[in-house]
Amino acid sequence: MIKDKSLQVFLDELASSAPTPGGGSGAAVMGAMGAALVSMVCNLTVGKKGYEEVEDDLKDVLKQAEALRDRMTDMIRADVEVFDRLMASYGLPKETDEDKAARSEEIQAALKEATDVPLNCARACAEAIELCRGAAEKGNLNVISDAGVAVVAADAALKSAALNVYINVGSIKDKAFAEERSTELEKILKGVDGQTSEIYELVKSKL
């Protein structure tokens, strides 16, 4: 499992000439890191003197952040698997018309999956950005900077995931599918537009 490898091994593989892991896995890692930092802020706030009034709220944020971290960690592997499937589909035989038809069908199916995996990551990143707000507003001031790091990481992950949607959706022949996914992505991006800067500035104001 790629998530069980050491950080050094993962970075070495990311830097290598191997096609996987790549940007999609990197996006999932950044998103998971953002969620983990939200959890850190919550864990260092809950039970601390002076933060009793926000404890229940941050326990809820912590629960959501940990669920997101699990989801995005699983997406690291999902990205590798779908990319490998796509590459395998391009290597299918194309000697006969039947071969070509089967190959084209498999490529299109793999492209759809390769679009949905990063789109799922984008959805999760948008959720993580919103959780960063709770950490920034109510978190322990001694670690409030980590809420800022969290939102920057989640935002970078979202934009990175979006690029992986764009690169695949343009090759999909099913225009209804492509338009639906593209429209949803744009709504996600628009929905968090400005949130990262707002949360980042909130964190800065508390430093």
C-alpha atoms as a PDB file:
ATOM      1  CA  MET A   1       0.000   0.000   0.000  1.00  0.00           C
ATOM      2  CA  ILE A   2       1.428   3.328  -1.042  1.00  0.00           C
ATOM      3  CA  LYS A   3       0.110   5.039   2.105  1.00  0.00           C
ATOM      4  CA  ASP A   4       2.178   2.663   4.247  1.00  0.00           C
ATOM      5  CA  LYS A   5       5.477   3.638   2.646  1.00  0.00           C
ATOM      6  CA  SER A   6       7.868   6.040   4.307  1.00  0.00           C
ATOM      7  CA  LEU A   7       7.768   9.695   3.327  1.00  0.00           C
ATOM      8  CA  GLN A   8      11.231   9.380   1.796  1.00  0.00           C
ATOM      9  CA  VAL A   9      10.218   6.429  -0.372  1.00  0.00           C
ATOM     10  CA  PHE A  10       7.077   8.235  -1.522  1.00  0.00           C
ATOM     11  CA  LEU A  11       9.024  11.379  -2.438  1.00  0.00           C
ATOM     12  CA  ASP A  12      11.679   9.343  -4.230  1.00  0.00           C
ATOM     13  CA  GLU A  13       8.963   7.610  -6.273  1.00  0.00           C
ATOM     14  CA  LEU A  14       7.251  10.936  -6.934  1.00  0.00           C
ATOM     15  CA  ALA A  15      10.528  12.363  -8.251  1.00  0.00           C
ATOM     16  CA  SER A  16      11.378   9.333 -10.385  1.00  0.00           C
ATOM     17  CA  SER A  17      10.642   8.714 -14.056  1.00  0.00           C
ATOM     18  CA  ALA A  18       7.858   6.290 -13.097  1.00  0.00           C
ATOM     19  CA  PRO A  19       4.412   7.575 -14.127  1.00  0.00           C
ATOM     20  CA  THR A  20       2.953   6.833 -10.702  1.00  0.00           C
ATOM     21  CA  PRO A  21       2.645   8.231  -8.133  1.00  0.00           C
ATOM     22  CA  GLY A  22       2.074  11.608  -9.757  1.00  0.00           C
ATOM     23  CA  GLY A  23       0.222  14.854  -9.327  1.00  0.00           C
ATOM     24  CA  GLY A  24      -3.060  13.212  -8.412  1.00  0.00           C
ATOM     25  CA  SER A  25      -1.484  11.342  -5.533  1.00  0.00           C
ATOM     26  CA  GLY A  26       0.351  14.497  -4.546  1.00  0.00           C
ATOM     27  CA  ALA A  27      -2.952  16.366  -4.411  1.00  0.00           C
ATOM     28  CA  ALA A  28      -4.446  13.707  -2.151  1.00  0.00           C
ATOM     29  CA  VAL A  29      -1.420  13.875   0.152  1.00  0.00           C
ATOM     30  CA  MET A  30      -1.688  17.655   0.409  1.00  0.00           C
ATOM     31  CA  GLY A  31      -5.376  17.393   1.151  1.00  0.00           C
ATOM     32  CA  ALA A  32      -4.808  14.750   3.803  1.00  0.00           C
ATOM     33  CA  MET A  33      -2.092  16.916   5.327  1.00  0.00           C
ATOM     34  CA  GLY A  34      -4.494  19.853   5.510  1.00  0.00           C
ATOM     35  CA  ALA A  35      -7.085  17.706   7.271  1.00  0.00           C
ATOM     36  CA  ALA A  36      -4.433  16.338   9.636  1.00  0.00           C
ATOM     37  CA  LEU A  37      -3.382  19.850  10.627  1.00  0.00           C
ATOM     38  CA  VAL A  38      -6.985  20.753  11.368  1.00  0.00           C
ATOM     39  CA  SER A  39      -7.069  17.699  13.640  1.00  0.00           C
ATOM     40  CA  MET A  40      -3.858  18.842  15.300  1.00  0.00           C
ATOM     41  CA  VAL A  41      -5.305  22.245  16.139  1.00  0.00           C
ATOM     42  CA  CYS A  42      -8.434  20.594  17.537  1.00  0.00           C
ATOM     43  CA  ASN A  43      -6.477  18.069  19.585  1.00  0.00           C
ATOM     44  CA  LEU A  44      -4.398  20.869  21.093  1.00  0.00           C
ATOM     45  CA  THR A  45      -7.487  22.903  21.939  1.00  0.00           C
ATOM     46  CA  VAL A  46      -9.885  20.326  23.376  1.00  0.00           C
ATOM     47  CA  GLY A  47      -9.334  19.991  27.110  1.00  0.00           C
ATOM     48  CA  LYS A  48      -7.223  23.151  27.377  1.00  0.00           C
ATOM     49  CA  LYS A  49      -8.030  25.812  29.945  1.00  0.00           C
ATOM     50  CA  GLY A  50      -9.779  28.807  28.476  1.00  0.00           C
ATOM     51  CA  TYR A  51     -11.312  26.902  25.557  1.00  0.00           C
ATOM     52  CA  GLU A  52     -14.128  25.137  27.385  1.00  0.00           C
ATOM     53  CA  GLU A  53     -16.837  27.007  25.472  1.00  0.00           C
ATOM     54  CA  VAL A  54     -15.604  25.828  22.061  1.00  0.00           C
ATOM     55  CA  GLU A  55     -14.667  22.296  23.084  1.00  0.00           C
ATOM     56  CA  ASP A  56     -17.813  20.618  21.756  1.00  0.00           C
ATOM     57  CA  ASP A  57     -17.577  22.495  18.458  1.00  0.00           C
ATOM     58  CA  LEU A  58     -13.976  21.483  17.941  1.00  0.00           C
ATOM     59  CA  LYS A  59     -14.682  17.881  18.867  1.00  0.00           C
ATOM     60  CA  ASP A  60     -17.131  17.868  15.962  1.00  0.00           C
ATOM     61  CA  VAL A  61     -14.566  19.503  13.656  1.00  0.00           C
ATOM     62  CA  LEU A  62     -12.011  16.917  14.751  1.00  0.00           C
ATOM     63  CA  LYS A  63     -14.347  14.031  13.925  1.00  0.00           C
ATOM     64  CA  GLN A  64     -15.004  15.434  10.454  1.00  0.00           C
ATOM     65  CA  ALA A  65     -11.336  16.197   9.825  1.00  0.00           C
ATOM     66  CA  GLU A  66     -10.282  12.662  10.701  1.00  0.00           C
ATOM     67  CA  ALA A  67     -12.918  11.204   8.379  1.00  0.00           C
ATOM     68  CA  LEU A  68     -11.650  13.449   5.597  1.00  0.00           C
ATOM     69  CA  ARG A  69      -8.058  12.462   6.279  1.00  0.00           C
ATOM     70  CA  ASP A  70      -8.997   8.795   5.899  1.00  0.00           C
ATOM     71  CA  ARG A  71     -10.852   9.474   2.643  1.00  0.00           C
ATOM     72  CA  MET A  72      -8.016  11.443   1.093  1.00  0.00           C
ATOM     73  CA  THR A  73      -5.401   8.946   2.212  1.00  0.00           C
ATOM     74  CA  ASP A  74      -7.320   6.263   0.342  1.00  0.00           C
ATOM     75  CA  MET A  75      -7.353   8.550  -2.707  1.00  0.00           C
ATOM     76  CA  ILE A  76      -3.564   8.309  -2.945  1.00  0.00           C
ATOM     77  CA  ARG A  77      -3.908   4.645  -3.895  1.00  0.00           C
ATOM     78  CA  ALA A  78      -7.025   5.256  -5.996  1.00  0.00           C
ATOM     79  CA  ASP A  79      -5.162   7.751  -8.157  1.00  0.00           C
ATOM     80  CA  VAL A  80      -2.326   5.319  -8.822  1.00  0.00           C
ATOM     81  CA  GLU A  81      -4.721   2.511  -9.675  1.00  0.00           C
ATOM     82  CA  VAL A  82      -6.829   4.544 -12.093  1.00  0.00           C
ATOM     83  CA  PHE A  83      -3.768   5.956 -13.858  1.00  0.00           C
ATOM     84  CA  ASP A  84      -2.331   2.471 -14.247  1.00  0.00           C
ATOM     85  CA  ARG A  85      -5.665   1.325 -15.692  1.00  0.00           C
ATOM     86  CA  LEU A  86      -5.642   4.208 -18.166  1.00  0.00           C
ATOM     87  CA  MET A  87      -2.108   3.483 -19.285  1.00  0.00           C
ATOM     88  CA  ALA A  88      -2.954  -0.208 -19.698  1.00  0.00           C
ATOM     89  CA  SER A  89      -5.947   0.683 -21.854  1.00  0.00           C
ATOM     90  CA  TYR A  90      -3.736   2.618 -24.269  1.00  0.00           C
ATOM     91  CA  GLY A  91      -1.591  -0.503 -24.596  1.00  0.00           C
ATOM     92  CA  LEU A  92      -4.455  -2.731 -25.703  1.00  0.00           C
ATOM     93  CA  PRO A  93      -4.204  -4.290 -29.191  1.00  0.00           C
ATOM     94  CA  LYS A  94      -5.556  -2.347 -32.161  1.00  0.00           C
ATOM     95  CA  GLU A  95      -4.958  -4.718 -35.053  1.00  0.00           C
ATOM     96  CA  THR A  96      -8.586  -5.290 -36.034  1.00  0.00           C
ATOM     97  CA  ASP A  97     -11.693  -3.134 -36.026  1.00  0.00           C
ATOM     98  CA  GLU A  98     -12.946  -5.184 -33.079  1.00  0.00           C
ATOM     99  CA  ASP A  99      -9.678  -4.541 -31.244  1.00  0.00           C
ATOM    100  CA  LYS A 100      -9.924  -0.839 -31.932  1.00  0.00           C
ATOM    101  CA  ALA A 101     -13.523  -0.655 -30.731  1.00  0.00           C
ATOM    102  CA  ALA A 102     -12.754  -2.557 -27.536  1.00  0.00           C
ATOM    103  CA  ARG A 103      -9.646  -0.465 -26.921  1.00  0.00           C
ATOM    104  CA  SER A 104     -11.543   2.794 -27.431  1.00  0.00           C
ATOM    105  CA  GLU A 105     -14.313   1.677 -25.087  1.00  0.00           C
ATOM    106  CA  GLU A 106     -11.825   0.769 -22.359  1.00  0.00           C
ATOM    107  CA  ILE A 107      -9.927   4.046 -22.785  1.00  0.00           C
ATOM    108  CA  GLN A 108     -13.121   6.034 -22.412  1.00  0.00           C
ATOM    109  CA  ALA A 109     -14.173   4.071 -19.326  1.00  0.00           C
ATOM    110  CA  ALA A 110     -10.746   4.600 -17.773  1.00  0.00           C
ATOM    111  CA  LEU A 111     -10.852   8.331 -18.599  1.00  0.00           C
ATOM    112  CA  LYS A 112     -14.181   8.657 -16.826  1.00  0.00           C
ATOM    113  CA  GLU A 113     -12.796   6.955 -13.754  1.00  0.00           C
ATOM    114  CA  ALA A 114      -9.644   9.096 -13.984  1.00  0.00           C
ATOM    115  CA  THR A 115     -11.922  12.145 -13.932  1.00  0.00           C
ATOM    116  CA  ASP A 116     -14.046  11.027 -10.999  1.00  0.00           C
ATOM    117  CA  VAL A 117     -11.125  10.171  -8.703  1.00  0.00           C
ATOM    118  CA  PRO A 118      -9.659  13.713  -8.625  1.00  0.00           C
ATOM    119  CA  LEU A 119     -13.168  15.189  -8.612  1.00  0.00           C
ATOM    120  CA  ASN A 120     -13.814  13.256  -5.416  1.00  0.00           C
ATOM    121  CA  CYS A 121     -10.569  14.663  -4.077  1.00  0.00           C
ATOM    122  CA  ALA A 122     -11.686  18.182  -4.984  1.00  0.00           C
ATOM    123  CA  ARG A 123     -14.951  17.659  -3.101  1.00  0.00           C
ATOM    124  CA  ALA A 124     -13.054  16.490  -0.019  1.00  0.00           C
ATOM    125  CA  CYS A 125     -10.633  19.416  -0.225  1.00  0.00           C
ATOM    126  CA  ALA A 126     -13.522  21.883  -0.302  1.00  0.00           C
ATOM    127  CA  GLU A 127     -14.850  20.268   2.866  1.00  0.00           C
ATOM    128  CA  ALA A 128     -11.407  20.504   4.447  1.00  0.00           C
ATOM    129  CA  ILE A 129     -11.173  24.216   3.666  1.00  0.00           C
ATOM    130  CA  GLU A 130     -14.456  24.835   5.461  1.00  0.00           C
ATOM    131  CA  LEU A 131     -13.213  22.874   8.488  1.00  0.00           C
ATOM    132  CA  CYS A 132     -10.136  25.096   8.559  1.00  0.00           C
ATOM    133  CA  ARG A 133     -12.437  28.005   9.316  1.00  0.00           C
ATOM    134  CA  GLY A 134     -13.579  26.390  12.558  1.00  0.00           C
ATOM    135  CA  ALA A 135     -10.005  25.681  13.565  1.00  0.00           C
ATOM    136  CA  ALA A 136      -8.960  29.248  12.737  1.00  0.00           C
ATOM    137  CA  GLU A 137     -11.878  30.832  14.552  1.00  0.00           C
ATOM    138  CA  LYS A 138     -11.828  28.730  17.721  1.00  0.00           C
ATOM    139  CA  GLY A 139      -8.478  26.990  17.895  1.00  0.00           C
ATOM    140  CA  ASN A 140      -5.771  27.319  20.519  1.00  0.00           C
ATOM    141  CA  LEU A 141      -3.848  30.507  19.783  1.00  0.00           C
ATOM    142  CA  ASN A 142      -0.575  28.740  20.517  1.00  0.00           C
ATOM    143  CA  VAL A 143      -1.028  26.599  17.394  1.00  0.00           C
ATOM    144  CA  ILE A 144      -3.294  28.856  15.333  1.00  0.00           C
ATOM    145  CA  SER A 145      -0.652  29.191  12.613  1.00  0.00           C
ATOM    146  CA  ASP A 146      -1.203  25.520  11.843  1.00  0.00           C
ATOM    147  CA  ALA A 147      -4.788  26.325  10.868  1.00  0.00           C
ATOM    148  CA  GLY A 148      -3.307  28.671   8.269  1.00  0.00           C
ATOM    149  CA  VAL A 149      -0.958  25.995   6.987  1.00  0.00           C
ATOM    150  CA  ALA A 150      -3.944  23.640   6.828  1.00  0.00           C
ATOM    151  CA  VAL A 151      -6.037  25.912   4.637  1.00  0.00           C
ATOM    152  CA  VAL A 152      -3.150  26.647   2.266  1.00  0.00           C
ATOM    153  CA  ALA A 153      -2.495  22.907   1.921  1.00  0.00           C
ATOM    154  CA  ALA A 154      -6.170  22.131   1.318  1.00  0.00           C
ATOM    155  CA  ASP A 155      -6.469  24.924  -1.236  1.00  0.00           C
ATOM    156  CA  ALA A 156      -3.348  23.749  -3.086  1.00  0.00           C
ATOM    157  CA  ALA A 157      -4.752  20.218  -3.061  1.00  0.00           C
ATOM    158  CA  LEU A 158      -8.069  21.413  -4.470  1.00  0.00           C
ATOM    159  CA  LYS A 159      -6.453  23.309  -7.332  1.00  0.00           C
ATOM    160  CA  SER A 160      -4.141  20.375  -8.020  1.00  0.00           C
ATOM    161  CA  ALA A 161      -7.047  17.937  -8.118  1.00  0.00           C
ATOM    162  CA  ALA A 162      -8.852  20.301 -10.487  1.00  0.00           C
ATOM    163  CA  LEU A 163      -5.948  20.137 -12.942  1.00  0.00           C
ATOM    164  CA  ASN A 164      -6.247  16.357 -12.975  1.00  0.00           C
ATOM    165  CA  VAL A 165      -9.939  16.643 -13.794  1.00  0.00           C
ATOM    166  CA  TYR A 166      -9.242  19.098 -16.612  1.00  0.00           C
ATOM    167  CA  ILE A 167      -6.559  16.968 -18.249  1.00  0.00           C
ATOM    168  CA  ASN A 168      -8.843  13.938 -18.484  1.00  0.00           C
ATOM    169  CA  VAL A 169     -12.259  15.423 -19.113  1.00  0.00           C
ATOM    170  CA  GLY A 170     -11.128  17.016 -22.370  1.00  0.00           C
ATOM    171  CA  SER A 171     -10.546  13.582 -23.925  1.00  0.00           C
ATOM    172  CA  ILE A 172     -13.928  12.137 -22.967  1.00  0.00           C
ATOM    173  CA  LYS A 173     -16.281  11.609 -25.910  1.00  0.00           C
ATOM    174  CA  ASP A 174     -19.388  11.424 -23.737  1.00  0.00           C
ATOM    175  CA  LYS A 175     -20.078  15.158 -23.764  1.00  0.00           C
ATOM    176  CA  ALA A 176     -22.927  14.955 -21.245  1.00  0.00           C
ATOM    177  CA  PHE A 177     -20.610  13.255 -18.748  1.00  0.00           C
ATOM    178  CA  ALA A 178     -17.811  15.737 -19.448  1.00  0.00           C
ATOM    179  CA  GLU A 179     -20.076  18.750 -19.067  1.00  0.00           C
ATOM    180  CA  GLU A 180     -21.619  17.448 -15.864  1.00  0.00           C
ATOM    181  CA  ARG A 181     -18.236  16.857 -14.233  1.00  0.00           C
ATOM    182  CA  SER A 182     -16.815  20.165 -15.467  1.00  0.00           C
ATOM    183  CA  THR A 183     -19.827  22.080 -14.181  1.00  0.00           C
ATOM    184  CA  GLU A 184     -19.585  20.455 -10.771  1.00  0.00           C
ATOM    185  CA  LEU A 185     -15.871  21.227 -10.559  1.00  0.00           C
ATOM    186  CA  GLU A 186     -16.446  24.881 -11.393  1.00  0.00           C
ATOM    187  CA  LYS A 187     -19.109  25.082  -8.684  1.00  0.00           C
ATOM    188  CA  ILE A 188     -16.686  23.591  -6.172  1.00  0.00           C
ATOM    189  CA  LEU A 189     -13.955  26.043  -7.127  1.00  0.00           C
ATOM    190  CA  LYS A 190     -16.326  28.998  -7.065  1.00  0.00           C
ATOM    191  CA  GLY A 191     -17.722  27.857  -3.753  1.00  0.00           C
ATOM    192  CA  VAL A 192     -14.360  28.166  -2.034  1.00  0.00           C
ATOM    193  CA  ASP A 193     -13.178  31.195  -3.987  1.00  0.00           C
ATOM    194  CA  GLY A 194     -11.909  33.702  -1.474  1.00  0.00           C
ATOM    195  CA  GLN A 195     -12.342  31.375   1.504  1.00  0.00           C
ATOM    196  CA  THR A 196      -8.672  30.460   1.642  1.00  0.00           C
ATOM    197  CA  SER A 197      -7.547  34.091   1.694  1.00  0.00           C
ATOM    198  CA  GLU A 198     -10.175  34.976   4.267  1.00  0.00           C
ATOM    199  CA  ILE A 199      -9.163  32.164   6.599  1.00  0.00           C
ATOM    200  CA  TYR A 200      -5.458  32.834   6.030  1.00  0.00           C
ATOM    201  CA  GLU A 201      -5.911  36.506   6.932  1.00  0.00           C
ATOM    202  CA  LEU A 202      -7.950  35.524   9.990  1.00  0.00           C
ATOM    203  CA  VAL A 203      -5.050  33.372  11.155  1.00  0.00           C
ATOM    204  CA  LYS A 204      -2.540  36.170  10.504  1.00  0.00           C
ATOM    205  CA  SER A 205      -4.637  38.581  12.561  1.00  0.00           C
ATOM    206  CA  LYS A 206      -4.258  36.290  15.558  1.00  0.00           C
ATOM    207  CA  LEU A 207      -0.486  35.881  15.394  1.00  0.00           C
END
